[in-house]
Amino acid sequence: GRERGLSSESIFRIALAEEFEKARQQALLTTAVRLLSNDEFEARQDIDAEEYRDRLGIATAVYTSVQEMQHQAFVKQVHGLVYREENFRMVVANNEHFARLDMLAVVWGAREESERELLLYYETQQRWEVAHSEAETWRQATAEFQEQIAEPMRRSLQYFE
């Protein structure tokens, strides 16, 4: 290589410079790859965070709607209970009302019966008193009559003696 005019030292320097350039290119490439990797990693992190937020949002929405549904079911249950209780109260009230009516009917019946019995009793007593009074009147009338006719009777009997 003397013809070209390059010494072995120059060749060595060129080779070294080429090696250095290769190493520099490699370093640049590595740095670029690392930067890209970083970017990708950050992008993935962002995406993960967004997905997590979305999932959380969906979960919250589902949980909320489930809670609302449970609340509505509970409200319906309470309404059902209240409705059933009202029905039961109405049935009880009706039963009590009819029981009171029955009792009133029995009381009225008993009262009428006892009034009839009292009337019958008074009527019987009245009849007895009237009969007694009539009997007494007849007894007195008979006594008076006998008294009145006793003297003429005696006289007429004397007449026959």
N, C-alpha and C. Protein backbone atom coordinates (compact mmCIF):
# COMPACT_ATOMS: atom_id res chain seq x y z
N GLY A 1 0.76 -1.20 0.00
CA GLY A 1 0.00 0.00 0.00
C GLY A 1 0.81 1.28 0.00
N ARG A 2 2.14 1.15 -0.34
CA ARG A 2 2.97 2.34 -0.38
C ARG A 2 2.62 3.22 -1.56
N GLU A 3 2.18 2.52 -2.67
CA GLU A 3 1.87 3.25 -3.90
C GLU A 3 0.78 4.31 -3.63
N ARG A 4 -0.13 3.94 -2.78
CA ARG A 4 -1.24 4.87 -2.51
C ARG A 4 -0.78 6.01 -1.61
N GLY A 5 0.21 5.79 -0.88
CA GLY A 5 0.77 6.82 -0.03
C GLY A 5 0.16 6.82 1.35
N LEU A 6 -0.38 5.66 1.78
CA LEU A 6 -0.96 5.57 3.13
C LEU A 6 -0.06 4.73 3.99
N SER A 7 0.28 5.29 5.12
CA SER A 7 1.12 4.52 6.04
C SER A 7 0.23 3.57 6.82
N SER A 8 0.83 2.59 7.43
CA SER A 8 0.06 1.62 8.24
C SER A 8 -0.62 2.34 9.41
N GLU A 9 0.02 3.42 9.85
CA GLU A 9 -0.57 4.19 10.95
C GLU A 9 -1.86 4.86 10.48
N SER A 10 -1.82 5.41 9.28
CA SER A 10 -3.01 6.05 8.72
C SER A 10 -4.13 5.03 8.54
N ILE A 11 -3.74 3.87 8.00
CA ILE A 11 -4.74 2.81 7.80
C ILE A 11 -5.37 2.44 9.15
N PHE A 12 -4.52 2.34 10.17
CA PHE A 12 -5.00 1.98 11.50
C PHE A 12 -5.97 3.05 12.01
N ARG A 13 -5.56 4.36 11.75
CA ARG A 13 -6.41 5.46 12.19
C ARG A 13 -7.75 5.45 11.47
N ILE A 14 -7.75 5.17 10.21
CA ILE A 14 -8.99 5.12 9.41
C ILE A 14 -9.85 3.99 9.93
N ALA A 15 -9.21 2.83 10.14
CA ALA A 15 -9.95 1.67 10.65
C ALA A 15 -10.55 2.01 12.00
N LEU A 16 -9.76 2.68 12.84
CA LEU A 16 -10.21 3.06 14.17
C LEU A 16 -11.40 4.02 14.05
N ALA A 17 -11.23 5.01 13.15
CA ALA A 17 -12.29 6.00 12.94
C ALA A 17 -13.57 5.30 12.46
N GLU A 18 -13.42 4.32 11.55
CA GLU A 18 -14.59 3.58 11.05
C GLU A 18 -15.25 2.81 12.19
N GLU A 19 -14.41 2.18 13.02
CA GLU A 19 -14.93 1.42 14.17
C GLU A 19 -15.69 2.37 15.11
N PHE A 20 -15.04 3.54 15.34
CA PHE A 20 -15.63 4.53 16.22
C PHE A 20 -16.98 4.98 15.68
N GLU A 21 -17.01 5.23 14.35
CA GLU A 21 -18.26 5.67 13.70
C GLU A 21 -19.33 4.59 13.83
N LYS A 22 -18.92 3.31 13.62
CA LYS A 22 -19.87 2.20 13.77
C LYS A 22 -20.43 2.16 15.19
N ALA A 23 -19.51 2.34 16.15
CA ALA A 23 -19.90 2.30 17.56
C ALA A 23 -20.87 3.46 17.87
N ARG A 24 -20.53 4.63 17.26
CA ARG A 24 -21.39 5.81 17.48
C ARG A 24 -22.77 5.57 16.88
N GLN A 25 -22.81 5.03 15.67
CA GLN A 25 -24.09 4.70 15.00
C GLN A 25 -24.89 3.71 15.87
N GLN A 26 -24.16 2.69 16.36
CA GLN A 26 -24.78 1.66 17.20
C GLN A 26 -25.39 2.31 18.45
N ALA A 27 -24.60 3.24 19.05
CA ALA A 27 -25.05 3.93 20.27
C ALA A 27 -26.30 4.76 19.96
N LEU A 28 -26.26 5.46 18.81
CA LEU A 28 -27.41 6.26 18.40
C LEU A 28 -28.65 5.37 18.21
N LEU A 29 -28.42 4.23 17.53
CA LEU A 29 -29.50 3.28 17.27
C LEU A 29 -30.07 2.75 18.59
N THR A 30 -29.15 2.37 19.49
CA THR A 30 -29.56 1.86 20.81
C THR A 30 -30.37 2.92 21.55
N THR A 31 -29.88 4.16 21.52
CA THR A 31 -30.58 5.27 22.18
C THR A 31 -31.97 5.45 21.56
N ALA A 32 -32.00 5.43 20.21
CA ALA A 32 -33.28 5.59 19.51
C ALA A 32 -34.24 4.47 19.91
N VAL A 33 -33.73 3.22 19.92
CA VAL A 33 -34.56 2.07 20.31
C VAL A 33 -35.06 2.24 21.74
N ARG A 34 -34.12 2.68 22.61
CA ARG A 34 -34.49 2.88 24.02
C ARG A 34 -35.59 3.95 24.14
N LEU A 35 -35.43 5.05 23.41
CA LEU A 35 -36.42 6.13 23.43
C LEU A 35 -37.77 5.62 22.94
N LEU A 36 -37.70 4.86 21.81
CA LEU A 36 -38.94 4.28 21.27
C LEU A 36 -39.59 3.36 22.30
N SER A 37 -38.72 2.54 22.92
CA SER A 37 -39.23 1.62 23.95
C SER A 37 -39.89 2.39 25.08
N ASN A 38 -39.23 3.47 25.50
CA ASN A 38 -39.79 4.33 26.56
C ASN A 38 -41.15 4.88 26.15
N ASP A 39 -41.16 5.42 24.90
CA ASP A 39 -42.42 5.98 24.38
C ASP A 39 -43.51 4.91 24.39
N GLU A 40 -43.14 3.72 23.88
CA GLU A 40 -44.11 2.64 23.80
C GLU A 40 -44.59 2.27 25.21
N PHE A 41 -43.63 2.19 26.14
CA PHE A 41 -43.96 1.84 27.51
C PHE A 41 -44.94 2.87 28.10
N GLU A 42 -44.59 4.16 27.90
CA GLU A 42 -45.46 5.22 28.41
C GLU A 42 -46.84 5.15 27.76
N ALA A 43 -46.82 4.92 26.44
CA ALA A 43 -48.10 4.81 25.71
C ALA A 43 -48.93 3.66 26.29
N ARG A 44 -48.22 2.50 26.49
CA ARG A 44 -48.92 1.35 27.08
C ARG A 44 -49.48 1.70 28.47
N GLN A 45 -48.66 2.41 29.26
CA GLN A 45 -49.10 2.81 30.61
C GLN A 45 -50.35 3.67 30.51
N ASP A 46 -50.31 4.65 29.57
CA ASP A 46 -51.47 5.54 29.38
C ASP A 46 -52.70 4.73 29.01
N ILE A 47 -52.50 3.81 28.05
CA ILE A 47 -53.62 2.97 27.58
C ILE A 47 -54.16 2.14 28.74
N ASP A 48 -53.23 1.54 29.51
CA ASP A 48 -53.63 0.75 30.68
C ASP A 48 -54.45 1.60 31.65
N ALA A 49 -53.95 2.82 31.90
CA ALA A 49 -54.64 3.73 32.83
C ALA A 49 -56.04 4.05 32.31
N GLU A 50 -56.11 4.33 30.99
CA GLU A 50 -57.43 4.64 30.38
C GLU A 50 -58.36 3.45 30.49
N GLU A 51 -57.83 2.25 30.15
CA GLU A 51 -58.63 1.03 30.22
C GLU A 51 -59.12 0.81 31.65
N TYR A 52 -58.21 1.04 32.62
CA TYR A 52 -58.57 0.88 34.02
C TYR A 52 -59.70 1.84 34.39
N ARG A 53 -59.55 3.11 33.94
CA ARG A 53 -60.60 4.11 34.21
C ARG A 53 -61.92 3.68 33.59
N ASP A 54 -61.84 3.19 32.33
CA ASP A 54 -63.06 2.73 31.65
C ASP A 54 -63.71 1.59 32.42
N ARG A 55 -62.84 0.60 32.79
CA ARG A 55 -63.36 -0.56 33.52
C ARG A 55 -64.00 -0.11 34.83
N LEU A 56 -63.34 0.81 35.52
CA LEU A 56 -63.84 1.33 36.78
C LEU A 56 -65.19 2.02 36.56
N GLY A 57 -65.25 2.83 35.48
CA GLY A 57 -66.50 3.52 35.14
C GLY A 57 -67.63 2.54 34.91
N ILE A 58 -67.32 1.50 34.11
CA ILE A 58 -68.34 0.47 33.80
C ILE A 58 -68.78 -0.23 35.08
N ALA A 59 -67.77 -0.64 35.89
CA ALA A 59 -68.06 -1.33 37.15
C ALA A 59 -68.94 -0.46 38.04
N THR A 60 -68.60 0.83 38.12
CA THR A 60 -69.38 1.78 38.94
C THR A 60 -70.81 1.87 38.43
N ALA A 61 -70.92 2.00 37.09
CA ALA A 61 -72.26 2.10 36.48
C ALA A 61 -73.08 0.84 36.79
N VAL A 62 -72.44 -0.32 36.60
CA VAL A 62 -73.13 -1.60 36.86
C VAL A 62 -73.55 -1.68 38.32
N TYR A 63 -72.58 -1.37 39.22
CA TYR A 63 -72.85 -1.44 40.66
C TYR A 63 -74.00 -0.50 41.02
N THR A 64 -73.94 0.73 40.49
CA THR A 64 -74.99 1.72 40.76
C THR A 64 -76.34 1.22 40.29
N SER A 65 -76.38 0.68 39.04
CA SER A 65 -77.67 0.20 38.51
C SER A 65 -78.18 -0.99 39.32
N VAL A 66 -77.24 -1.87 39.75
CA VAL A 66 -77.64 -3.01 40.59
C VAL A 66 -78.23 -2.49 41.91
N GLN A 67 -77.52 -1.49 42.48
CA GLN A 67 -78.00 -0.90 43.74
C GLN A 67 -79.40 -0.31 43.54
N GLU A 68 -79.58 0.42 42.41
CA GLU A 68 -80.88 1.03 42.12
C GLU A 68 -81.95 -0.05 41.99
N MET A 69 -81.59 -1.14 41.26
CA MET A 69 -82.54 -2.23 41.07
C MET A 69 -82.90 -2.86 42.40
N GLN A 70 -81.87 -3.08 43.24
CA GLN A 70 -82.11 -3.65 44.56
C GLN A 70 -83.00 -2.72 45.37
N HIS A 71 -82.70 -1.40 45.28
CA HIS A 71 -83.50 -0.41 46.01
C HIS A 71 -84.95 -0.46 45.54
N GLN A 72 -85.11 -0.50 44.18
CA GLN A 72 -86.47 -0.57 43.63
C GLN A 72 -87.17 -1.84 44.09
N ALA A 73 -86.43 -2.96 44.08
CA ALA A 73 -87.01 -4.24 44.53
C ALA A 73 -87.42 -4.11 45.99
N PHE A 74 -86.54 -3.46 46.79
CA PHE A 74 -86.83 -3.27 48.21
C PHE A 74 -88.08 -2.41 48.38
N VAL A 75 -88.13 -1.31 47.59
CA VAL A 75 -89.29 -0.40 47.65
C VAL A 75 -90.55 -1.17 47.27
N LYS A 76 -90.44 -1.99 46.19
CA LYS A 76 -91.59 -2.81 45.77
C LYS A 76 -92.00 -3.74 46.89
N GLN A 77 -90.99 -4.37 47.52
CA GLN A 77 -91.26 -5.29 48.63
C GLN A 77 -91.99 -4.57 49.74
N VAL A 78 -91.47 -3.36 50.08
CA VAL A 78 -92.10 -2.57 51.14
C VAL A 78 -93.52 -2.22 50.75
N HIS A 79 -93.70 -1.77 49.48
CA HIS A 79 -95.05 -1.45 49.00
C HIS A 79 -95.95 -2.67 49.13
N GLY A 80 -95.40 -3.84 48.72
CA GLY A 80 -96.16 -5.09 48.81
C GLY A 80 -96.57 -5.37 50.24
N LEU A 81 -95.61 -5.21 51.16
CA LEU A 81 -95.89 -5.45 52.58
C LEU A 81 -96.97 -4.50 53.07
N VAL A 82 -96.81 -3.20 52.73
CA VAL A 82 -97.79 -2.19 53.15
C VAL A 82 -99.16 -2.54 52.61
N TYR A 83 -99.20 -2.92 51.29
CA TYR A 83 -100.46 -3.28 50.64
C TYR A 83 -101.10 -4.47 51.34
N ARG A 84 -100.25 -5.51 51.60
CA ARG A 84 -100.77 -6.71 52.28
C ARG A 84 -101.28 -6.36 53.66
N GLU A 85 -100.52 -5.50 54.38
CA GLU A 85 -100.92 -5.10 55.74
C GLU A 85 -102.25 -4.36 55.67
N GLU A 86 -102.37 -3.44 54.70
CA GLU A 86 -103.62 -2.68 54.54
C GLU A 86 -104.79 -3.64 54.29
N ASN A 87 -104.56 -4.59 53.37
CA ASN A 87 -105.59 -5.59 53.08
C ASN A 87 -105.99 -6.34 54.34
N PHE A 88 -104.96 -6.78 55.07
CA PHE A 88 -105.19 -7.54 56.30
C PHE A 88 -106.00 -6.69 57.29
N ARG A 89 -105.57 -5.42 57.44
CA ARG A 89 -106.29 -4.51 58.35
C ARG A 89 -107.74 -4.36 57.92
N MET A 90 -107.95 -4.22 56.59
CA MET A 90 -109.32 -4.07 56.08
C MET A 90 -110.15 -5.30 56.38
N VAL A 91 -109.54 -6.48 56.17
CA VAL A 91 -110.23 -7.74 56.44
C VAL A 91 -110.60 -7.81 57.92
N VAL A 92 -109.61 -7.48 58.78
CA VAL A 92 -109.85 -7.50 60.23
C VAL A 92 -110.97 -6.52 60.58
N ALA A 93 -110.88 -5.30 60.01
CA ALA A 93 -111.90 -4.28 60.29
C ALA A 93 -113.27 -4.78 59.87
N ASN A 94 -113.35 -5.37 58.66
CA ASN A 94 -114.63 -5.92 58.19
C ASN A 94 -115.15 -6.99 59.12
N ASN A 95 -114.25 -7.91 59.51
CA ASN A 95 -114.64 -8.99 60.42
C ASN A 95 -115.17 -8.42 61.73
N GLU A 96 -114.44 -7.41 62.26
CA GLU A 96 -114.88 -6.78 63.51
C GLU A 96 -116.24 -6.14 63.33
N HIS A 97 -116.42 -5.46 62.20
CA HIS A 97 -117.68 -4.78 61.91
C HIS A 97 -118.83 -5.79 61.89
N PHE A 98 -118.60 -6.90 61.16
CA PHE A 98 -119.66 -7.92 61.06
C PHE A 98 -119.91 -8.57 62.41
N ALA A 99 -118.83 -8.79 63.17
CA ALA A 99 -118.98 -9.38 64.51
C ALA A 99 -119.81 -8.44 65.39
N ARG A 100 -119.53 -7.12 65.29
CA ARG A 100 -120.32 -6.13 66.06
C ARG A 100 -121.78 -6.17 65.64
N LEU A 101 -122.00 -6.25 64.31
CA LEU A 101 -123.38 -6.32 63.81
C LEU A 101 -124.09 -7.56 64.36
N ASP A 102 -123.38 -8.72 64.30
CA ASP A 102 -123.95 -9.96 64.84
C ASP A 102 -124.30 -9.80 66.32
N MET A 103 -123.35 -9.20 67.08
CA MET A 103 -123.57 -9.00 68.50
C MET A 103 -124.78 -8.11 68.74
N LEU A 104 -124.85 -7.02 67.96
CA LEU A 104 -126.00 -6.11 68.07
C LEU A 104 -127.29 -6.85 67.80
N ALA A 105 -127.26 -7.69 66.73
CA ALA A 105 -128.45 -8.46 66.38
C ALA A 105 -128.85 -9.36 67.55
N VAL A 106 -127.85 -10.03 68.14
CA VAL A 106 -128.12 -10.92 69.28
C VAL A 106 -128.70 -10.12 70.44
N VAL A 107 -128.04 -8.96 70.73
CA VAL A 107 -128.50 -8.11 71.84
C VAL A 107 -129.93 -7.63 71.59
N TRP A 108 -130.18 -7.16 70.35
CA TRP A 108 -131.52 -6.69 70.02
C TRP A 108 -132.53 -7.83 70.14
N GLY A 109 -132.12 -8.99 69.63
CA GLY A 109 -133.00 -10.16 69.72
C GLY A 109 -133.32 -10.48 71.17
N ALA A 110 -132.26 -10.51 71.99
CA ALA A 110 -132.45 -10.82 73.41
C ALA A 110 -133.33 -9.77 74.07
N ARG A 111 -133.08 -8.51 73.68
CA ARG A 111 -133.86 -7.42 74.27
C ARG A 111 -135.33 -7.55 73.89
N GLU A 112 -135.56 -7.80 72.60
CA GLU A 112 -136.95 -7.97 72.15
C GLU A 112 -137.61 -9.15 72.86
N GLU A 113 -136.81 -10.25 72.97
CA GLU A 113 -137.31 -11.46 73.64
C GLU A 113 -137.67 -11.14 75.09
N SER A 114 -136.75 -10.44 75.78
CA SER A 114 -137.01 -10.12 77.19
C SER A 114 -138.17 -9.14 77.30
N GLU A 115 -138.27 -8.20 76.33
CA GLU A 115 -139.43 -7.28 76.34
C GLU A 115 -140.73 -8.06 76.17
N ARG A 116 -140.69 -9.04 75.24
CA ARG A 116 -141.88 -9.89 75.02
C ARG A 116 -142.23 -10.65 76.30
N GLU A 117 -141.17 -11.20 76.92
CA GLU A 117 -141.39 -11.96 78.15
C GLU A 117 -141.96 -11.06 79.24
N LEU A 118 -141.39 -9.83 79.35
CA LEU A 118 -141.89 -8.87 80.34
C LEU A 118 -143.36 -8.54 80.08
N LEU A 119 -143.64 -8.26 78.77
CA LEU A 119 -145.02 -7.94 78.40
C LEU A 119 -145.96 -9.09 78.77
N LEU A 120 -145.48 -10.29 78.43
CA LEU A 120 -146.27 -11.49 78.74
C LEU A 120 -146.50 -11.59 80.25
N TYR A 121 -145.42 -11.35 81.01
CA TYR A 121 -145.49 -11.41 82.46
C TYR A 121 -146.50 -10.40 82.98
N TYR A 122 -146.35 -9.11 82.50
CA TYR A 122 -147.27 -8.06 82.96
C TYR A 122 -148.70 -8.37 82.56
N GLU A 123 -148.82 -8.86 81.32
CA GLU A 123 -150.17 -9.19 80.82
C GLU A 123 -150.78 -10.29 81.70
N THR A 124 -150.00 -11.32 81.99
CA THR A 124 -150.48 -12.43 82.83
C THR A 124 -150.87 -11.90 84.20
N GLN A 125 -149.97 -11.05 84.75
CA GLN A 125 -150.25 -10.48 86.08
C GLN A 125 -151.53 -9.66 86.04
N GLN A 126 -151.66 -8.87 84.97
CA GLN A 126 -152.85 -8.02 84.80
C GLN A 126 -154.10 -8.90 84.75
N ARG A 127 -154.03 -9.97 83.90
CA ARG A 127 -155.17 -10.88 83.76
C ARG A 127 -155.53 -11.51 85.11
N TRP A 128 -154.46 -11.92 85.83
CA TRP A 128 -154.67 -12.55 87.13
C TRP A 128 -155.35 -11.60 88.08
N GLU A 129 -154.85 -10.32 88.08
CA GLU A 129 -155.43 -9.29 88.95
C GLU A 129 -156.88 -9.05 88.58
N VAL A 130 -157.14 -8.96 87.26
CA VAL A 130 -158.52 -8.73 86.80
C VAL A 130 -159.41 -9.90 87.25
N ALA A 131 -158.88 -11.12 87.00
CA ALA A 131 -159.64 -12.33 87.37
C ALA A 131 -159.89 -12.32 88.88
N HIS A 132 -158.82 -12.00 89.64
CA HIS A 132 -158.92 -11.96 91.10
C HIS A 132 -159.96 -10.93 91.52
N SER A 133 -159.85 -9.75 90.90
CA SER A 133 -160.76 -8.65 91.19
C SER A 133 -162.21 -9.05 90.88
N GLU A 134 -162.38 -9.69 89.68
CA GLU A 134 -163.72 -10.15 89.29
C GLU A 134 -164.25 -11.16 90.32
N ALA A 135 -163.34 -12.10 90.69
CA ALA A 135 -163.74 -13.13 91.68
C ALA A 135 -164.16 -12.47 93.00
N GLU A 136 -163.34 -11.48 93.40
CA GLU A 136 -163.63 -10.76 94.65
C GLU A 136 -164.97 -10.04 94.54
N THR A 137 -165.15 -9.39 93.38
CA THR A 137 -166.42 -8.66 93.16
C THR A 137 -167.60 -9.64 93.24
N TRP A 138 -167.44 -10.78 92.58
CA TRP A 138 -168.51 -11.79 92.61
C TRP A 138 -168.75 -12.28 94.04
N ARG A 139 -167.66 -12.50 94.77
CA ARG A 139 -167.79 -12.98 96.15
C ARG A 139 -168.57 -11.97 96.98
N GLN A 140 -168.13 -10.66 96.80
CA GLN A 140 -168.81 -9.60 97.56
C GLN A 140 -170.28 -9.51 97.16
N ALA A 141 -170.48 -9.54 95.81
CA ALA A 141 -171.87 -9.43 95.31
C ALA A 141 -172.71 -10.59 95.85
N THR A 142 -172.12 -11.78 95.83
CA THR A 142 -172.82 -12.97 96.33
C THR A 142 -173.11 -12.81 97.81
N ALA A 143 -172.08 -12.32 98.56
CA ALA A 143 -172.25 -12.14 100.01
C ALA A 143 -173.38 -11.15 100.28
N GLU A 144 -173.34 -10.00 99.54
CA GLU A 144 -174.36 -8.98 99.72
C GLU A 144 -175.75 -9.53 99.37
N PHE A 145 -175.76 -10.28 98.24
CA PHE A 145 -177.04 -10.85 97.79
C PHE A 145 -177.59 -11.80 98.85
N GLN A 146 -176.67 -12.64 99.35
CA GLN A 146 -177.10 -13.61 100.37
C GLN A 146 -177.57 -12.89 101.62
N GLU A 147 -176.81 -11.78 101.94
CA GLU A 147 -177.22 -10.98 103.11
C GLU A 147 -178.62 -10.39 102.89
N GLN A 148 -178.80 -9.89 101.65
CA GLN A 148 -180.07 -9.22 101.33
C GLN A 148 -181.24 -10.21 101.35
N ILE A 149 -180.94 -11.39 100.80
CA ILE A 149 -182.08 -12.32 100.74
C ILE A 149 -182.18 -13.21 101.99
N ALA A 150 -181.19 -13.09 102.88
CA ALA A 150 -181.19 -13.95 104.07
C ALA A 150 -182.44 -13.71 104.93
N GLU A 151 -182.72 -12.43 105.16
CA GLU A 151 -183.87 -12.07 106.03
C GLU A 151 -185.20 -12.53 105.40
N PRO A 152 -185.49 -12.12 104.15
CA PRO A 152 -186.75 -12.59 103.55
C PRO A 152 -186.81 -14.11 103.47
N MET A 153 -185.68 -14.75 103.24
CA MET A 153 -185.59 -16.19 103.13
C MET A 153 -186.00 -16.81 104.46
N ARG A 154 -185.40 -16.24 105.56
CA ARG A 154 -185.71 -16.73 106.89
C ARG A 154 -187.19 -16.56 107.18
N ARG A 155 -187.68 -15.37 106.79
CA ARG A 155 -189.10 -15.08 107.03
C ARG A 155 -190.01 -16.04 106.29
N SER A 156 -189.63 -16.26 105.02
CA SER A 156 -190.47 -17.18 104.24
C SER A 156 -190.37 -18.61 104.76
N LEU A 157 -189.18 -18.95 105.27
CA LEU A 157 -189.01 -20.27 105.85
C LEU A 157 -189.85 -20.38 107.13
N GLN A 158 -189.87 -19.25 107.89
CA GLN A 158 -190.69 -19.21 109.10
C GLN A 158 -192.16 -19.43 108.72
N TYR A 159 -192.48 -18.84 107.61
CA TYR A 159 -193.86 -18.93 107.12
C TYR A 159 -194.26 -20.38 106.90
N PHE A 160 -193.27 -21.19 106.41
CA PHE A 160 -193.55 -22.60 106.14
C PHE A 160 -193.49 -23.46 107.42
N GLU A 161 -192.89 -22.90 108.48
CA GLU A 161 -192.75 -23.72 109.68
C GLU A 161 -194.06 -24.02 110.35
